[in-house]
Structures are given as structure tokens and as C-alpha cells.
Amino acid sequence: MTGAATPNLEPTVYLVDDDDAVRDALAFLLSTVGLTVRTFPDGLALERALDAEGPPDIGCLLLDIRMPHISGLHLQVRLQARGVELPGILRTGHA
């Protein structure tokens, strides 16, 4: 079929965290076990990337629950409304 998008079948962890050091450390840790990781400083940056590329085919979300602009939980709800059906893990450093 001409013009059809090629599906991305490489599992990717979409890591969203507003703390640079935490984001970098988690990305490094996940990459040491061979996972492909894409990092984003906030949910809006992830949404902009998905607007440009379309929804991912396979992978998971690793979201900080407490971020400026949009929480990880709200981001997951917004992504589901857009048709992104990736499983998500919500994490926090706050009690």
C-alpha cells in the first residue's frame, strides 16, 4: 500500500520526568538492560512528539506523577483519549 506509515515495532519506554537528574539516571539505567528509551521533560513535550510522529505501536509509559503543567496521571488520561494504548507506570518521589 503506497503512502502507508510503517509501524514502529521496536519497544520503547517513553519516560517523562521534569527532574533532569532523575530523568537522565532512569534513562541510563533502562538503557543498560537494552531498552530503547525516549525522554521528555514534561507531558506537553511528549504530546508534541506524538503529534509529529503519530501514536507509538509498542512500548510503555514511565511517568512522574507530580510535574508542572500536567500531572503524569492526567497525561495518561489525555494520551488514552488520543488513542495511545500503551501501559503506564506512574512513579513519584513525594510521600
N, C-alpha and C. Protein backbone atom coordinates (compact mmCIF):
# COMPACT_ATOMS: atom_id res chain seq x y z
N MET A 1 0.85 -1.17 0.00
CA MET A 1 0.00 0.00 0.00
C MET A 1 0.89 1.23 0.00
N THR A 2 0.75 2.09 -0.93
CA THR A 2 1.56 3.30 -1.07
C THR A 2 1.11 4.35 -0.08
N GLY A 3 2.10 4.99 0.57
CA GLY A 3 1.78 6.08 1.48
C GLY A 3 1.42 5.63 2.89
N ALA A 4 1.34 4.33 3.15
CA ALA A 4 1.00 3.86 4.49
C ALA A 4 2.20 4.03 5.41
N ALA A 5 1.93 4.42 6.63
CA ALA A 5 3.01 4.58 7.62
C ALA A 5 3.55 3.21 8.00
N THR A 6 4.86 3.14 8.16
CA THR A 6 5.49 1.90 8.60
C THR A 6 5.38 1.83 10.11
N PRO A 7 4.83 0.75 10.64
CA PRO A 7 4.70 0.68 12.09
C PRO A 7 6.06 0.56 12.76
N ASN A 8 6.19 1.19 13.91
CA ASN A 8 7.41 1.11 14.70
C ASN A 8 7.24 -0.06 15.66
N LEU A 9 7.94 -1.16 15.42
CA LEU A 9 7.79 -2.36 16.23
C LEU A 9 8.90 -2.53 17.24
N GLU A 10 9.71 -1.50 17.46
CA GLU A 10 10.75 -1.56 18.48
C GLU A 10 10.15 -1.06 19.79
N PRO A 11 10.10 -1.92 20.82
CA PRO A 11 9.55 -1.47 22.11
C PRO A 11 10.34 -0.29 22.64
N THR A 12 9.62 0.72 23.08
CA THR A 12 10.24 1.94 23.56
C THR A 12 9.62 2.34 24.88
N VAL A 13 10.47 2.76 25.82
CA VAL A 13 9.99 3.32 27.08
C VAL A 13 9.92 4.83 26.88
N TYR A 14 8.73 5.40 27.04
CA TYR A 14 8.53 6.84 26.95
C TYR A 14 8.58 7.38 28.37
N LEU A 15 9.71 7.98 28.73
CA LEU A 15 10.00 8.42 30.09
C LEU A 15 9.76 9.92 30.20
N VAL A 16 8.84 10.30 31.08
CA VAL A 16 8.51 11.72 31.27
C VAL A 16 8.76 12.07 32.73
N ASP A 17 9.71 12.99 32.96
CA ASP A 17 10.03 13.45 34.31
C ASP A 17 10.61 14.85 34.21
N ASP A 18 10.15 15.75 35.06
CA ASP A 18 10.62 17.14 34.99
C ASP A 18 11.97 17.35 35.68
N ASP A 19 12.44 16.37 36.43
CA ASP A 19 13.74 16.48 37.10
C ASP A 19 14.82 15.92 36.18
N ASP A 20 15.70 16.78 35.69
CA ASP A 20 16.73 16.37 34.73
C ASP A 20 17.58 15.21 35.23
N ALA A 21 18.03 15.30 36.49
CA ALA A 21 18.92 14.27 37.03
C ALA A 21 18.20 12.92 37.14
N VAL A 22 16.97 12.94 37.60
CA VAL A 22 16.20 11.69 37.72
C VAL A 22 15.93 11.10 36.34
N ARG A 23 15.53 11.96 35.41
CA ARG A 23 15.24 11.51 34.04
C ARG A 23 16.47 10.88 33.41
N ASP A 24 17.61 11.54 33.54
CA ASP A 24 18.85 11.01 32.95
C ASP A 24 19.27 9.70 33.61
N ALA A 25 19.15 9.62 34.94
CA ALA A 25 19.55 8.41 35.65
C ALA A 25 18.64 7.23 35.27
N LEU A 26 17.34 7.46 35.21
CA LEU A 26 16.43 6.38 34.83
C LEU A 26 16.66 5.94 33.39
N ALA A 27 16.88 6.89 32.50
CA ALA A 27 17.14 6.55 31.10
C ALA A 27 18.41 5.71 30.98
N PHE A 28 19.45 6.11 31.71
CA PHE A 28 20.70 5.34 31.68
C PHE A 28 20.47 3.93 32.22
N LEU A 29 19.79 3.81 33.35
CA LEU A 29 19.53 2.51 33.95
C LEU A 29 18.77 1.60 32.99
N LEU A 30 17.72 2.11 32.38
CA LEU A 30 16.92 1.30 31.46
C LEU A 30 17.72 0.92 30.21
N SER A 31 18.58 1.82 29.75
CA SER A 31 19.37 1.52 28.56
C SER A 31 20.42 0.44 28.83
N THR A 32 20.86 0.29 30.08
CA THR A 32 21.87 -0.72 30.39
C THR A 32 21.34 -2.14 30.25
N VAL A 33 20.01 -2.30 30.22
CA VAL A 33 19.43 -3.63 30.01
C VAL A 33 18.88 -3.75 28.58
N GLY A 34 19.31 -2.83 27.71
CA GLY A 34 18.99 -2.94 26.30
C GLY A 34 17.68 -2.32 25.87
N LEU A 35 17.03 -1.57 26.74
CA LEU A 35 15.76 -0.95 26.37
C LEU A 35 16.00 0.36 25.61
N THR A 36 15.15 0.62 24.63
CA THR A 36 15.17 1.90 23.95
C THR A 36 14.35 2.87 24.78
N VAL A 37 14.93 4.02 25.11
CA VAL A 37 14.27 4.99 25.97
C VAL A 37 14.23 6.34 25.26
N ARG A 38 13.06 6.95 25.28
CA ARG A 38 12.92 8.34 24.80
C ARG A 38 12.50 9.16 25.99
N THR A 39 13.18 10.27 26.21
CA THR A 39 12.91 11.08 27.39
C THR A 39 12.26 12.41 27.02
N PHE A 40 11.44 12.87 27.96
CA PHE A 40 10.72 14.13 27.78
C PHE A 40 10.67 14.86 29.11
N PRO A 41 10.88 16.19 29.12
CA PRO A 41 10.89 16.94 30.38
C PRO A 41 9.50 17.21 30.94
N ASP A 42 8.48 17.04 30.12
CA ASP A 42 7.10 17.23 30.59
C ASP A 42 6.14 16.58 29.61
N GLY A 43 4.89 16.48 30.03
CA GLY A 43 3.88 15.82 29.20
C GLY A 43 3.60 16.53 27.90
N LEU A 44 3.71 17.85 27.92
CA LEU A 44 3.45 18.60 26.69
C LEU A 44 4.48 18.27 25.62
N ALA A 45 5.74 18.05 26.03
CA ALA A 45 6.79 17.69 25.07
C ALA A 45 6.49 16.33 24.45
N LEU A 46 6.02 15.39 25.26
CA LEU A 46 5.64 14.08 24.72
C LEU A 46 4.48 14.22 23.75
N GLU A 47 3.47 14.99 24.11
CA GLU A 47 2.33 15.19 23.22
C GLU A 47 2.75 15.82 21.89
N ARG A 48 3.66 16.79 21.94
CA ARG A 48 4.16 17.41 20.70
C ARG A 48 4.87 16.38 19.83
N ALA A 49 5.67 15.51 20.44
CA ALA A 49 6.37 14.46 19.68
C ALA A 49 5.37 13.51 19.04
N LEU A 50 4.33 13.15 19.77
CA LEU A 50 3.33 12.24 19.21
C LEU A 50 2.52 12.92 18.11
N ASP A 51 2.30 14.22 18.22
CA ASP A 51 1.61 14.96 17.15
C ASP A 51 2.41 14.85 15.86
N ALA A 52 3.74 14.94 15.97
CA ALA A 52 4.61 14.90 14.80
C ALA A 52 4.77 13.48 14.23
N GLU A 53 4.78 12.48 15.11
CA GLU A 53 5.13 11.11 14.71
C GLU A 53 3.95 10.14 14.67
N GLY A 54 2.86 10.49 15.31
CA GLY A 54 1.75 9.56 15.44
C GLY A 54 1.93 8.71 16.69
N PRO A 55 0.89 7.98 17.07
CA PRO A 55 0.97 7.18 18.29
C PRO A 55 1.93 6.02 18.14
N PRO A 56 2.64 5.69 19.23
CA PRO A 56 3.57 4.56 19.19
C PRO A 56 2.82 3.24 19.08
N ASP A 57 3.47 2.25 18.48
CA ASP A 57 2.85 0.95 18.28
C ASP A 57 3.08 0.00 19.45
N ILE A 58 4.24 0.14 20.11
CA ILE A 58 4.60 -0.80 21.16
C ILE A 58 5.54 -0.12 22.14
N GLY A 59 5.41 -0.45 23.41
CA GLY A 59 6.27 0.13 24.43
C GLY A 59 5.48 0.36 25.69
N CYS A 60 5.97 1.30 26.52
CA CYS A 60 5.26 1.65 27.74
C CYS A 60 5.59 3.08 28.13
N LEU A 61 4.77 3.61 29.02
CA LEU A 61 4.96 4.94 29.56
C LEU A 61 5.52 4.82 30.96
N LEU A 62 6.51 5.64 31.30
CA LEU A 62 7.04 5.73 32.65
C LEU A 62 6.91 7.20 33.03
N LEU A 63 5.92 7.52 33.86
CA LEU A 63 5.53 8.90 34.10
C LEU A 63 5.72 9.30 35.55
N ASP A 64 6.29 10.47 35.76
CA ASP A 64 6.33 11.08 37.07
C ASP A 64 4.93 11.59 37.36
N ILE A 65 4.42 11.34 38.54
CA ILE A 65 3.04 11.73 38.82
C ILE A 65 2.93 13.23 39.10
N ARG A 66 3.99 13.84 39.63
CA ARG A 66 3.94 15.25 40.02
C ARG A 66 4.86 16.07 39.15
N MET A 67 4.26 16.76 38.18
CA MET A 67 5.04 17.61 37.26
C MET A 67 4.27 18.91 37.03
N PRO A 68 4.99 19.97 36.64
CA PRO A 68 4.28 21.20 36.29
C PRO A 68 3.49 21.02 34.99
N HIS A 69 2.52 21.85 34.78
CA HIS A 69 1.68 21.90 33.59
C HIS A 69 0.64 20.77 33.57
N ILE A 70 1.10 19.53 33.70
CA ILE A 70 0.19 18.39 33.61
C ILE A 70 0.78 17.23 34.41
N SER A 71 -0.02 16.64 35.28
CA SER A 71 0.48 15.53 36.09
C SER A 71 0.61 14.28 35.23
N GLY A 72 1.39 13.32 35.71
CA GLY A 72 1.53 12.05 34.99
C GLY A 72 0.20 11.34 34.82
N LEU A 73 -0.65 11.39 35.85
CA LEU A 73 -1.96 10.74 35.75
C LEU A 73 -2.84 11.41 34.71
N HIS A 74 -2.86 12.74 34.73
CA HIS A 74 -3.65 13.47 33.73
C HIS A 74 -3.09 13.24 32.32
N LEU A 75 -1.77 13.17 32.20
CA LEU A 75 -1.16 12.89 30.90
C LEU A 75 -1.61 11.53 30.37
N GLN A 76 -1.61 10.51 31.22
CA GLN A 76 -2.03 9.19 30.77
C GLN A 76 -3.48 9.21 30.28
N VAL A 77 -4.34 9.92 30.99
CA VAL A 77 -5.74 10.04 30.58
C VAL A 77 -5.84 10.74 29.23
N ARG A 78 -5.08 11.81 29.06
CA ARG A 78 -5.11 12.54 27.78
C ARG A 78 -4.59 11.68 26.64
N LEU A 79 -3.53 10.91 26.89
CA LEU A 79 -2.98 10.04 25.84
C LEU A 79 -3.97 8.95 25.47
N GLN A 80 -4.65 8.37 26.45
CA GLN A 80 -5.66 7.35 26.15
C GLN A 80 -6.77 7.93 25.29
N ALA A 81 -7.16 9.17 25.56
CA ALA A 81 -8.20 9.83 24.76
C ALA A 81 -7.74 10.04 23.31
N ARG A 82 -6.43 10.10 23.11
CA ARG A 82 -5.85 10.27 21.76
C ARG A 82 -5.60 8.95 21.07
N GLY A 83 -5.90 7.84 21.74
CA GLY A 83 -5.71 6.53 21.12
C GLY A 83 -4.39 5.87 21.45
N VAL A 84 -3.61 6.44 22.37
CA VAL A 84 -2.36 5.83 22.80
C VAL A 84 -2.70 4.80 23.87
N GLU A 85 -2.53 3.53 23.54
CA GLU A 85 -2.95 2.45 24.42
C GLU A 85 -1.79 1.76 25.11
N LEU A 86 -0.70 2.47 25.32
CA LEU A 86 0.46 1.88 25.98
C LEU A 86 0.19 1.72 27.48
N PRO A 87 0.70 0.64 28.06
CA PRO A 87 0.59 0.52 29.52
C PRO A 87 1.46 1.59 30.17
N GLY A 88 1.08 1.99 31.37
CA GLY A 88 1.82 3.05 32.04
C GLY A 88 2.20 2.68 33.45
N ILE A 89 3.34 3.20 33.87
CA ILE A 89 3.80 3.10 35.24
C ILE A 89 3.91 4.52 35.76
N LEU A 90 3.23 4.81 36.85
CA LEU A 90 3.31 6.12 37.48
C LEU A 90 4.22 6.01 38.69
N ARG A 91 5.12 6.98 38.84
CA ARG A 91 6.05 6.95 39.95
C ARG A 91 6.14 8.35 40.55
N THR A 92 6.56 8.40 41.79
CA THR A 92 6.73 9.69 42.45
C THR A 92 7.86 9.61 43.46
N GLY A 93 8.47 10.74 43.71
CA GLY A 93 9.48 10.86 44.75
C GLY A 93 8.92 11.55 45.97
N HIS A 94 7.63 11.83 45.97
CA HIS A 94 6.97 12.54 47.08
C HIS A 94 6.18 11.56 47.94
N ALA A 95 6.16 11.85 49.24
CA ALA A 95 5.40 10.98 50.15
C ALA A 95 3.90 11.15 49.93
